[in-house]
Amino acid sequence: MKYIVRFIVVTLLILNCTTAFAEEKIVILDLKYVLNQSKAGKGAQDYLKKSFENNGKKFTKIEQDLKKEETDLLSKKTVMSKEEYTKKTDSLRKKVIDYQSQKRAAFDLIAQQRAKARESLLKKIDPILETYIKDNNISLIIDKNYTVGGSGNNDITKAITDLLNKELPSLKLN
């Protein structure tokens, strides 16, 4: 009986000690913040926003010109011959189609540049995260969007943002 009690006590102590040493370090990273608030991310956002606004102004002016041309054409409809009116409306339709394709192409280009910027930022973040994981003995990094709560001590967002700013101060989008 004495041996059974000793065996149970020793077993419980061993099990208790092994669970105490098996602690895993889990941290939280706000990837959206890193992408948007890093120097390269902010620079890319500013460039894309400026490009979007410039295209918007350019296409608004073209649209106004096309509307003006349409109203002029409608006001001259009674004065023109039917063939001349048909030619001018066909010409106007071609201009509108050209305008729409240019607008679509310009905004598609901006979307492609945005995707390319995001991809290159994510490629730069991966090795930074791998080094950070090795240096700090981290078991798991979870995106902040997928967490319900946690301690502020487990948030590594600021540290990763600082490392990314050192590694990648700007991003080329041309």
N, C-alpha and C. Protein backbone atom coordinates (compact mmCIF):
# COMPACT_ATOMS: atom_id res chain seq x y z
N MET A 1 0.81 -1.19 0.00
CA MET A 1 0.00 0.00 0.00
C MET A 1 0.86 1.26 0.00
N LYS A 2 1.97 1.15 0.76
CA LYS A 2 2.88 2.28 0.84
C LYS A 2 3.44 2.62 -0.54
N TYR A 3 3.75 1.65 -1.33
CA TYR A 3 4.29 1.86 -2.67
C TYR A 3 3.26 2.47 -3.62
N ILE A 4 2.03 2.08 -3.47
CA ILE A 4 0.97 2.61 -4.33
C ILE A 4 0.78 4.10 -4.05
N VAL A 5 0.80 4.49 -2.79
CA VAL A 5 0.64 5.90 -2.43
C VAL A 5 1.83 6.70 -2.97
N ARG A 6 3.02 6.21 -2.82
CA ARG A 6 4.21 6.89 -3.33
C ARG A 6 4.13 7.02 -4.87
N PHE A 7 3.71 5.93 -5.51
CA PHE A 7 3.58 5.95 -6.97
C PHE A 7 2.59 7.02 -7.43
N ILE A 8 1.46 7.11 -6.78
CA ILE A 8 0.43 8.10 -7.14
C ILE A 8 0.94 9.51 -6.89
N VAL A 9 1.60 9.74 -5.78
CA VAL A 9 2.14 11.07 -5.46
C VAL A 9 3.21 11.48 -6.46
N VAL A 10 4.10 10.59 -6.77
CA VAL A 10 5.17 10.89 -7.72
C VAL A 10 4.58 11.13 -9.11
N THR A 11 3.62 10.33 -9.51
CA THR A 11 2.99 10.49 -10.81
C THR A 11 2.28 11.84 -10.91
N LEU A 12 1.56 12.22 -9.90
CA LEU A 12 0.87 13.52 -9.90
C LEU A 12 1.86 14.68 -9.96
N LEU A 13 2.96 14.57 -9.24
CA LEU A 13 3.98 15.61 -9.29
C LEU A 13 4.59 15.73 -10.68
N ILE A 14 4.88 14.62 -11.30
CA ILE A 14 5.48 14.63 -12.65
C ILE A 14 4.50 15.23 -13.65
N LEU A 15 3.26 14.81 -13.60
CA LEU A 15 2.25 15.35 -14.52
C LEU A 15 2.05 16.85 -14.31
N ASN A 16 2.06 17.29 -13.07
CA ASN A 16 1.88 18.71 -12.76
C ASN A 16 3.06 19.52 -13.27
N CYS A 17 4.26 19.01 -13.13
CA CYS A 17 5.46 19.73 -13.58
C CYS A 17 5.53 19.81 -15.10
N THR A 18 5.16 18.75 -15.78
CA THR A 18 5.25 18.77 -17.24
C THR A 18 4.24 19.74 -17.84
N THR A 19 3.09 19.87 -17.26
CA THR A 19 2.12 20.83 -17.80
C THR A 19 2.57 22.26 -17.52
N ALA A 20 3.29 22.48 -16.47
CA ALA A 20 3.76 23.82 -16.16
C ALA A 20 4.84 24.25 -17.15
N PHE A 21 5.65 23.33 -17.63
CA PHE A 21 6.71 23.66 -18.55
C PHE A 21 6.24 23.68 -20.01
N ALA A 22 5.06 23.22 -20.28
CA ALA A 22 4.58 23.10 -21.65
C ALA A 22 3.80 24.35 -22.09
N GLU A 23 4.16 25.48 -21.55
CA GLU A 23 3.46 26.71 -21.91
C GLU A 23 3.83 27.13 -23.33
N GLU A 24 2.84 27.50 -24.10
CA GLU A 24 3.06 27.96 -25.46
C GLU A 24 2.74 29.44 -25.53
N LYS A 25 3.57 30.15 -26.29
CA LYS A 25 3.39 31.60 -26.39
C LYS A 25 2.56 31.91 -27.63
N ILE A 26 1.39 32.50 -27.42
CA ILE A 26 0.49 32.88 -28.50
C ILE A 26 0.36 34.40 -28.47
N VAL A 27 0.55 35.02 -29.63
CA VAL A 27 0.48 36.49 -29.71
C VAL A 27 -0.55 36.90 -30.76
N ILE A 28 -0.92 38.17 -30.69
CA ILE A 28 -1.94 38.73 -31.59
C ILE A 28 -1.28 39.78 -32.49
N LEU A 29 -1.66 39.78 -33.76
CA LEU A 29 -1.15 40.75 -34.73
C LEU A 29 -2.32 41.34 -35.49
N ASP A 30 -2.39 42.65 -35.54
CA ASP A 30 -3.42 43.34 -36.33
C ASP A 30 -2.82 43.61 -37.71
N LEU A 31 -3.02 42.68 -38.63
CA LEU A 31 -2.40 42.76 -39.94
C LEU A 31 -2.92 43.97 -40.72
N LYS A 32 -4.18 44.29 -40.55
CA LYS A 32 -4.77 45.44 -41.25
C LYS A 32 -4.05 46.73 -40.82
N TYR A 33 -3.78 46.86 -39.53
CA TYR A 33 -3.07 48.03 -39.02
C TYR A 33 -1.66 48.08 -39.59
N VAL A 34 -0.97 46.95 -39.62
CA VAL A 34 0.40 46.91 -40.14
C VAL A 34 0.42 47.34 -41.61
N LEU A 35 -0.51 46.82 -42.39
CA LEU A 35 -0.56 47.16 -43.81
C LEU A 35 -0.91 48.63 -44.05
N ASN A 36 -1.79 49.18 -43.24
CA ASN A 36 -2.25 50.56 -43.45
C ASN A 36 -1.39 51.62 -42.78
N GLN A 37 -0.74 51.29 -41.69
CA GLN A 37 -0.02 52.30 -40.92
C GLN A 37 1.49 52.26 -41.08
N SER A 38 2.01 51.29 -41.79
CA SER A 38 3.45 51.29 -42.04
C SER A 38 3.77 52.38 -43.05
N LYS A 39 5.03 52.79 -43.10
CA LYS A 39 5.44 53.86 -44.03
C LYS A 39 5.13 53.48 -45.46
N ALA A 40 5.49 52.27 -45.84
CA ALA A 40 5.26 51.82 -47.21
C ALA A 40 3.76 51.72 -47.50
N GLY A 41 3.00 51.23 -46.55
CA GLY A 41 1.56 51.11 -46.73
C GLY A 41 0.88 52.46 -46.86
N LYS A 42 1.27 53.41 -46.01
CA LYS A 42 0.70 54.76 -46.10
C LYS A 42 1.08 55.42 -47.42
N GLY A 43 2.33 55.25 -47.83
CA GLY A 43 2.77 55.82 -49.09
C GLY A 43 2.00 55.27 -50.27
N ALA A 44 1.78 53.96 -50.26
CA ALA A 44 1.02 53.33 -51.34
C ALA A 44 -0.43 53.82 -51.33
N GLN A 45 -1.01 53.93 -50.15
CA GLN A 45 -2.39 54.42 -50.06
C GLN A 45 -2.50 55.85 -50.56
N ASP A 46 -1.56 56.69 -50.18
CA ASP A 46 -1.59 58.08 -50.64
C ASP A 46 -1.46 58.17 -52.15
N TYR A 47 -0.54 57.39 -52.71
CA TYR A 47 -0.35 57.38 -54.16
C TYR A 47 -1.62 56.92 -54.87
N LEU A 48 -2.21 55.83 -54.39
CA LEU A 48 -3.41 55.30 -55.04
C LEU A 48 -4.61 56.24 -54.88
N LYS A 49 -4.71 56.87 -53.73
CA LYS A 49 -5.81 57.82 -53.50
C LYS A 49 -5.67 59.03 -54.43
N LYS A 50 -4.45 59.54 -54.56
CA LYS A 50 -4.19 60.68 -55.45
C LYS A 50 -4.49 60.29 -56.89
N SER A 51 -4.06 59.11 -57.29
CA SER A 51 -4.31 58.63 -58.65
C SER A 51 -5.81 58.48 -58.90
N PHE A 52 -6.53 57.96 -57.91
CA PHE A 52 -7.98 57.79 -58.03
C PHE A 52 -8.67 59.15 -58.17
N GLU A 53 -8.26 60.11 -57.35
CA GLU A 53 -8.87 61.45 -57.42
C GLU A 53 -8.55 62.13 -58.75
N ASN A 54 -7.33 62.02 -59.22
CA ASN A 54 -6.96 62.62 -60.51
C ASN A 54 -7.77 62.02 -61.65
N ASN A 55 -7.90 60.69 -61.64
CA ASN A 55 -8.71 60.04 -62.66
C ASN A 55 -10.17 60.45 -62.55
N GLY A 56 -10.66 60.58 -61.33
CA GLY A 56 -12.04 61.00 -61.12
C GLY A 56 -12.29 62.39 -61.70
N LYS A 57 -11.37 63.31 -61.44
CA LYS A 57 -11.50 64.68 -61.98
C LYS A 57 -11.46 64.67 -63.50
N LYS A 58 -10.51 63.91 -64.05
CA LYS A 58 -10.36 63.84 -65.50
C LYS A 58 -11.62 63.29 -66.15
N PHE A 59 -12.14 62.21 -65.60
CA PHE A 59 -13.32 61.59 -66.19
C PHE A 59 -14.60 62.40 -65.95
N THR A 60 -14.64 63.14 -64.86
CA THR A 60 -15.79 64.02 -64.63
C THR A 60 -15.82 65.12 -65.69
N LYS A 61 -14.65 65.67 -66.00
CA LYS A 61 -14.58 66.70 -67.03
C LYS A 61 -14.99 66.15 -68.40
N ILE A 62 -14.50 64.96 -68.73
CA ILE A 62 -14.87 64.34 -70.01
C ILE A 62 -16.38 64.08 -70.05
N GLU A 63 -16.93 63.61 -68.93
CA GLU A 63 -18.36 63.34 -68.87
C GLU A 63 -19.18 64.61 -69.05
N GLN A 64 -18.73 65.68 -68.44
CA GLN A 64 -19.43 66.96 -68.61
C GLN A 64 -19.38 67.43 -70.06
N ASP A 65 -18.22 67.26 -70.70
CA ASP A 65 -18.09 67.64 -72.11
C ASP A 65 -19.03 66.80 -72.99
N LEU A 66 -19.13 65.52 -72.70
CA LEU A 66 -20.01 64.65 -73.47
C LEU A 66 -21.49 65.03 -73.27
N LYS A 67 -21.85 65.38 -72.05
CA LYS A 67 -23.23 65.81 -71.79
C LYS A 67 -23.54 67.11 -72.51
N LYS A 68 -22.57 68.02 -72.50
CA LYS A 68 -22.76 69.28 -73.19
C LYS A 68 -22.93 69.05 -74.69
N GLU A 69 -22.10 68.16 -75.24
CA GLU A 69 -22.20 67.83 -76.66
C GLU A 69 -23.56 67.20 -76.97
N GLU A 70 -24.04 66.39 -76.07
CA GLU A 70 -25.35 65.76 -76.27
C GLU A 70 -26.48 66.79 -76.27
N THR A 71 -26.43 67.72 -75.31
CA THR A 71 -27.48 68.75 -75.28
C THR A 71 -27.42 69.65 -76.51
N ASP A 72 -26.20 69.96 -76.96
CA ASP A 72 -26.06 70.75 -78.19
C ASP A 72 -26.65 70.00 -79.39
N LEU A 73 -26.37 68.73 -79.45
CA LEU A 73 -26.87 67.91 -80.54
C LEU A 73 -28.40 67.83 -80.52
N LEU A 74 -28.97 67.68 -79.33
CA LEU A 74 -30.42 67.62 -79.21
C LEU A 74 -31.07 68.96 -79.56
N SER A 75 -30.40 70.04 -79.22
CA SER A 75 -30.97 71.35 -79.54
C SER A 75 -30.91 71.65 -81.05
N LYS A 76 -29.96 71.05 -81.73
CA LYS A 76 -29.80 71.27 -83.17
C LYS A 76 -30.51 70.19 -84.01
N LYS A 77 -31.22 69.30 -83.35
CA LYS A 77 -31.85 68.18 -84.04
C LYS A 77 -32.83 68.65 -85.13
N THR A 78 -33.61 69.65 -84.83
CA THR A 78 -34.61 70.12 -85.79
C THR A 78 -33.97 70.85 -86.96
N VAL A 79 -32.81 71.44 -86.77
CA VAL A 79 -32.13 72.21 -87.81
C VAL A 79 -31.35 71.30 -88.77
N MET A 80 -30.83 70.18 -88.27
CA MET A 80 -29.99 69.29 -89.07
C MET A 80 -30.83 68.35 -89.92
N SER A 81 -30.16 67.86 -90.96
CA SER A 81 -30.80 66.82 -91.77
C SER A 81 -30.71 65.50 -91.00
N LYS A 82 -31.55 64.55 -91.40
CA LYS A 82 -31.61 63.28 -90.69
C LYS A 82 -30.29 62.51 -90.77
N GLU A 83 -29.63 62.52 -91.94
CA GLU A 83 -28.36 61.81 -92.11
C GLU A 83 -27.26 62.43 -91.25
N GLU A 84 -27.22 63.77 -91.25
CA GLU A 84 -26.20 64.47 -90.45
C GLU A 84 -26.42 64.20 -88.96
N TYR A 85 -27.68 64.22 -88.53
CA TYR A 85 -28.00 63.96 -87.12
C TYR A 85 -27.61 62.53 -86.75
N THR A 86 -27.86 61.59 -87.63
CA THR A 86 -27.51 60.19 -87.38
C THR A 86 -25.99 60.02 -87.27
N LYS A 87 -25.25 60.69 -88.16
CA LYS A 87 -23.79 60.62 -88.11
C LYS A 87 -23.26 61.18 -86.79
N LYS A 88 -23.81 62.31 -86.38
CA LYS A 88 -23.34 62.94 -85.14
C LYS A 88 -23.71 62.11 -83.91
N THR A 89 -24.90 61.51 -83.92
CA THR A 89 -25.26 60.65 -82.77
C THR A 89 -24.39 59.40 -82.72
N ASP A 90 -24.08 58.84 -83.89
CA ASP A 90 -23.17 57.68 -83.92
C ASP A 90 -21.79 58.07 -83.41
N SER A 91 -21.33 59.24 -83.83
CA SER A 91 -20.03 59.73 -83.36
C SER A 91 -20.05 59.94 -81.85
N LEU A 92 -21.13 60.48 -81.34
CA LEU A 92 -21.26 60.71 -79.89
C LEU A 92 -21.29 59.37 -79.15
N ARG A 93 -22.00 58.39 -79.67
CA ARG A 93 -22.05 57.06 -79.05
C ARG A 93 -20.65 56.44 -78.98
N LYS A 94 -19.90 56.59 -80.06
CA LYS A 94 -18.54 56.06 -80.07
C LYS A 94 -17.67 56.73 -79.01
N LYS A 95 -17.86 58.05 -78.87
CA LYS A 95 -17.10 58.78 -77.84
C LYS A 95 -17.48 58.30 -76.45
N VAL A 96 -18.77 58.06 -76.24
CA VAL A 96 -19.23 57.58 -74.92
C VAL A 96 -18.67 56.18 -74.64
N ILE A 97 -18.70 55.32 -75.62
CA ILE A 97 -18.14 53.97 -75.44
C ILE A 97 -16.65 54.03 -75.15
N ASP A 98 -15.94 54.90 -75.88
CA ASP A 98 -14.51 55.08 -75.66
C ASP A 98 -14.24 55.61 -74.24
N TYR A 99 -15.06 56.58 -73.84
CA TYR A 99 -14.94 57.15 -72.49
C TYR A 99 -15.14 56.07 -71.42
N GLN A 100 -16.16 55.24 -71.59
CA GLN A 100 -16.44 54.19 -70.61
C GLN A 100 -15.30 53.17 -70.54
N SER A 101 -14.76 52.82 -71.70
CA SER A 101 -13.65 51.84 -71.68
C SER A 101 -12.39 52.44 -71.06
N GLN A 102 -12.12 53.71 -71.32
CA GLN A 102 -10.96 54.38 -70.70
C GLN A 102 -11.14 54.45 -69.19
N LYS A 103 -12.34 54.79 -68.75
CA LYS A 103 -12.61 54.91 -67.32
C LYS A 103 -12.45 53.55 -66.64
N ARG A 104 -13.00 52.51 -67.24
CA ARG A 104 -12.90 51.17 -66.68
C ARG A 104 -11.43 50.73 -66.63
N ALA A 105 -10.68 51.01 -67.68
CA ALA A 105 -9.27 50.62 -67.72
C ALA A 105 -8.46 51.35 -66.66
N ALA A 106 -8.74 52.64 -66.48
CA ALA A 106 -8.00 53.42 -65.49
C ALA A 106 -8.27 52.91 -64.07
N PHE A 107 -9.51 52.61 -63.77
CA PHE A 107 -9.83 52.14 -62.43
C PHE A 107 -9.40 50.68 -62.22
N ASP A 108 -9.38 49.90 -63.28
CA ASP A 108 -8.83 48.55 -63.17
C ASP A 108 -7.33 48.59 -62.89
N LEU A 109 -6.64 49.53 -63.50
CA LEU A 109 -5.21 49.71 -63.25
C LEU A 109 -4.95 50.05 -61.79
N ILE A 110 -5.77 50.93 -61.23
CA ILE A 110 -5.62 51.29 -59.82
C ILE A 110 -5.86 50.07 -58.94
N ALA A 111 -6.86 49.27 -59.28
CA ALA A 111 -7.14 48.06 -58.50
C ALA A 111 -5.97 47.07 -58.58
N GLN A 112 -5.38 46.95 -59.76
CA GLN A 112 -4.22 46.06 -59.92
C GLN A 112 -3.03 46.57 -59.11
N GLN A 113 -2.81 47.88 -59.13
CA GLN A 113 -1.71 48.45 -58.36
C GLN A 113 -1.93 48.24 -56.86
N ARG A 114 -3.17 48.36 -56.42
CA ARG A 114 -3.50 48.14 -55.01
C ARG A 114 -3.21 46.69 -54.62
N ALA A 115 -3.63 45.76 -55.46
CA ALA A 115 -3.39 44.34 -55.18
C ALA A 115 -1.89 44.03 -55.19
N LYS A 116 -1.17 44.64 -56.12
CA LYS A 116 0.28 44.42 -56.21
C LYS A 116 0.98 44.98 -54.96
N ALA A 117 0.55 46.15 -54.50
CA ALA A 117 1.14 46.75 -53.30
C ALA A 117 0.88 45.87 -52.08
N ARG A 118 -0.34 45.38 -51.95
CA ARG A 118 -0.68 44.51 -50.82
C ARG A 118 0.15 43.23 -50.85
N GLU A 119 0.28 42.66 -52.04
CA GLU A 119 1.05 41.42 -52.18
C GLU A 119 2.52 41.63 -51.82
N SER A 120 3.10 42.73 -52.29
CA SER A 120 4.52 42.97 -51.99
C SER A 120 4.72 43.28 -50.50
N LEU A 121 3.76 43.95 -49.87
CA LEU A 121 3.87 44.18 -48.42
C LEU A 121 3.78 42.86 -47.66
N LEU A 122 2.87 42.01 -48.07
CA LEU A 122 2.73 40.72 -47.39
C LEU A 122 3.98 39.86 -47.58
N LYS A 123 4.62 39.94 -48.76
CA LYS A 123 5.85 39.19 -48.99
C LYS A 123 6.97 39.69 -48.09
N LYS A 124 7.00 41.00 -47.82
CA LYS A 124 8.03 41.57 -46.95
C LYS A 124 7.74 41.25 -45.49
N ILE A 125 6.47 41.14 -45.12
CA ILE A 125 6.11 40.88 -43.73
C ILE A 125 6.44 39.43 -43.34
N ASP A 126 6.31 38.50 -44.26
CA ASP A 126 6.54 37.08 -43.94
C ASP A 126 7.91 36.80 -43.33
N PRO A 127 9.03 37.24 -43.96
CA PRO A 127 10.33 36.96 -43.31
C PRO A 127 10.50 37.70 -41.98
N ILE A 128 9.90 38.88 -41.88
CA ILE A 128 9.98 39.62 -40.61
C ILE A 128 9.29 38.83 -39.51
N LEU A 129 8.11 38.28 -39.82
CA LEU A 129 7.38 37.48 -38.84
C LEU A 129 8.15 36.21 -38.47
N GLU A 130 8.74 35.57 -39.46
CA GLU A 130 9.50 34.35 -39.18
C GLU A 130 10.67 34.62 -38.25
N THR A 131 11.39 35.70 -38.49
CA THR A 131 12.51 36.06 -37.61
C THR A 131 12.00 36.41 -36.21
N TYR A 132 10.91 37.14 -36.15
CA TYR A 132 10.35 37.54 -34.85
C TYR A 132 9.90 36.30 -34.07
N ILE A 133 9.32 35.34 -34.77
CA ILE A 133 8.87 34.10 -34.12
C ILE A 133 10.07 33.35 -33.54
N LYS A 134 11.14 33.23 -34.31
CA LYS A 134 12.32 32.50 -33.84
C LYS A 134 13.00 33.22 -32.67
N ASP A 135 13.12 34.56 -32.78
CA ASP A 135 13.81 35.32 -31.75
C ASP A 135 13.05 35.34 -30.42
N ASN A 136 11.74 35.30 -30.45
CA ASN A 136 10.93 35.44 -29.24
C ASN A 136 10.23 34.15 -28.82
N ASN A 137 10.59 33.03 -29.44
CA ASN A 137 10.01 31.73 -29.10
C ASN A 137 8.48 31.75 -29.08
N ILE A 138 7.92 32.18 -30.17
CA ILE A 138 6.46 32.28 -30.29
C ILE A 138 5.95 31.02 -30.97
N SER A 139 4.86 30.50 -30.45
CA SER A 139 4.28 29.29 -31.03
C SER A 139 3.26 29.61 -32.11
N LEU A 140 2.49 30.69 -31.90
CA LEU A 140 1.38 30.96 -32.80
C LEU A 140 1.10 32.45 -32.86
N ILE A 141 0.85 32.96 -34.06
CA ILE A 141 0.41 34.35 -34.25
C ILE A 141 -1.00 34.30 -34.81
N ILE A 142 -1.90 35.02 -34.17
CA ILE A 142 -3.30 35.06 -34.60
C ILE A 142 -3.63 36.48 -35.03
N ASP A 143 -4.35 36.60 -36.15
CA ASP A 143 -4.79 37.91 -36.62
C ASP A 143 -5.84 38.45 -35.65
N LYS A 144 -5.76 39.73 -35.38
CA LYS A 144 -6.64 40.35 -34.40
C LYS A 144 -8.11 40.25 -34.80
N ASN A 145 -8.40 40.17 -36.10
CA ASN A 145 -9.79 40.06 -36.55
C ASN A 145 -10.44 38.77 -36.08
N TYR A 146 -9.65 37.75 -35.81
CA TYR A 146 -10.19 36.45 -35.44
C TYR A 146 -10.12 36.18 -33.94
N THR A 147 -9.86 37.21 -33.14
CA THR A 147 -9.82 37.02 -31.70
C THR A 147 -10.97 37.75 -31.04
N VAL A 148 -11.39 37.23 -29.92
CA VAL A 148 -12.47 37.85 -29.17
C VAL A 148 -11.90 38.77 -28.10
N GLY A 149 -10.83 38.37 -27.48
CA GLY A 149 -10.21 39.17 -26.43
C GLY A 149 -8.81 38.68 -26.17
N GLY A 150 -8.14 39.39 -25.30
CA GLY A 150 -6.78 38.99 -24.96
C GLY A 150 -6.07 40.12 -24.25
N SER A 151 -4.93 39.79 -23.73
CA SER A 151 -4.12 40.76 -23.01
C SER A 151 -3.37 41.66 -23.99
N GLY A 152 -3.21 42.90 -23.63
CA GLY A 152 -2.44 43.84 -24.45
C GLY A 152 -0.98 43.48 -24.53
N ASN A 153 -0.52 42.69 -23.58
CA ASN A 153 0.88 42.26 -23.58
C ASN A 153 1.18 41.30 -24.72
N ASN A 154 0.15 40.66 -25.25
CA ASN A 154 0.32 39.68 -26.32
C ASN A 154 0.22 40.30 -27.71
N ASP A 155 0.03 41.61 -27.80
CA ASP A 155 -0.12 42.28 -29.10
C ASP A 155 1.25 42.71 -29.61
N ILE A 156 1.64 42.20 -30.78
CA ILE A 156 2.96 42.52 -31.35
C ILE A 156 2.85 43.44 -32.57
N THR A 157 1.69 44.05 -32.76
CA THR A 157 1.44 44.86 -33.94
C THR A 157 2.44 46.00 -34.07
N LYS A 158 2.67 46.74 -33.01
CA LYS A 158 3.57 47.89 -33.05
C LYS A 158 5.00 47.46 -33.38
N ALA A 159 5.43 46.37 -32.78
CA ALA A 159 6.81 45.89 -33.01
C ALA A 159 6.99 45.48 -34.48
N ILE A 160 6.01 44.78 -35.04
CA ILE A 160 6.10 44.35 -36.43
C ILE A 160 6.05 45.55 -37.37
N THR A 161 5.22 46.54 -37.04
CA THR A 161 5.14 47.76 -37.85
C THR A 161 6.49 48.48 -37.86
N ASP A 162 7.12 48.57 -36.70
CA ASP A 162 8.43 49.21 -36.63
C ASP A 162 9.48 48.45 -37.44
N LEU A 163 9.46 47.14 -37.34
CA LEU A 163 10.41 46.33 -38.12
C LEU A 163 10.17 46.47 -39.62
N LEU A 164 8.89 46.53 -40.02
CA LEU A 164 8.57 46.70 -41.44
C LEU A 164 9.01 48.08 -41.93
N ASN A 165 8.86 49.10 -41.09
CA ASN A 165 9.30 50.45 -41.47
C ASN A 165 10.80 50.50 -41.70
N LYS A 166 11.56 49.76 -40.89
CA LYS A 166 13.01 49.72 -41.07
C LYS A 166 13.38 48.94 -42.33
N GLU A 167 12.67 47.85 -42.56
CA GLU A 167 12.98 46.96 -43.68
C GLU A 167 12.52 47.54 -45.03
N LEU A 168 11.35 48.15 -45.05
CA LEU A 168 10.74 48.63 -46.30
C LEU A 168 10.17 50.04 -46.09
N PRO A 169 11.01 51.08 -46.28
CA PRO A 169 10.53 52.44 -46.03
C PRO A 169 9.55 52.95 -47.09
N SER A 170 9.64 52.43 -48.31
CA SER A 170 8.71 52.88 -49.35
C SER A 170 8.45 51.74 -50.33
N LEU A 171 7.44 51.96 -51.16
CA LEU A 171 7.01 50.94 -52.10
C LEU A 171 6.85 51.57 -53.47
N LYS A 172 7.39 50.93 -54.50
CA LYS A 172 7.26 51.47 -55.86
C LYS A 172 6.03 50.86 -56.51
N LEU A 173 5.15 51.72 -57.02
CA LEU A 173 3.92 51.25 -57.66
C LEU A 173 3.86 51.55 -59.14
N ASN A 174 4.83 52.18 -59.69
CA ASN A 174 4.75 52.57 -61.10
C ASN A 174 4.72 51.43 -62.01
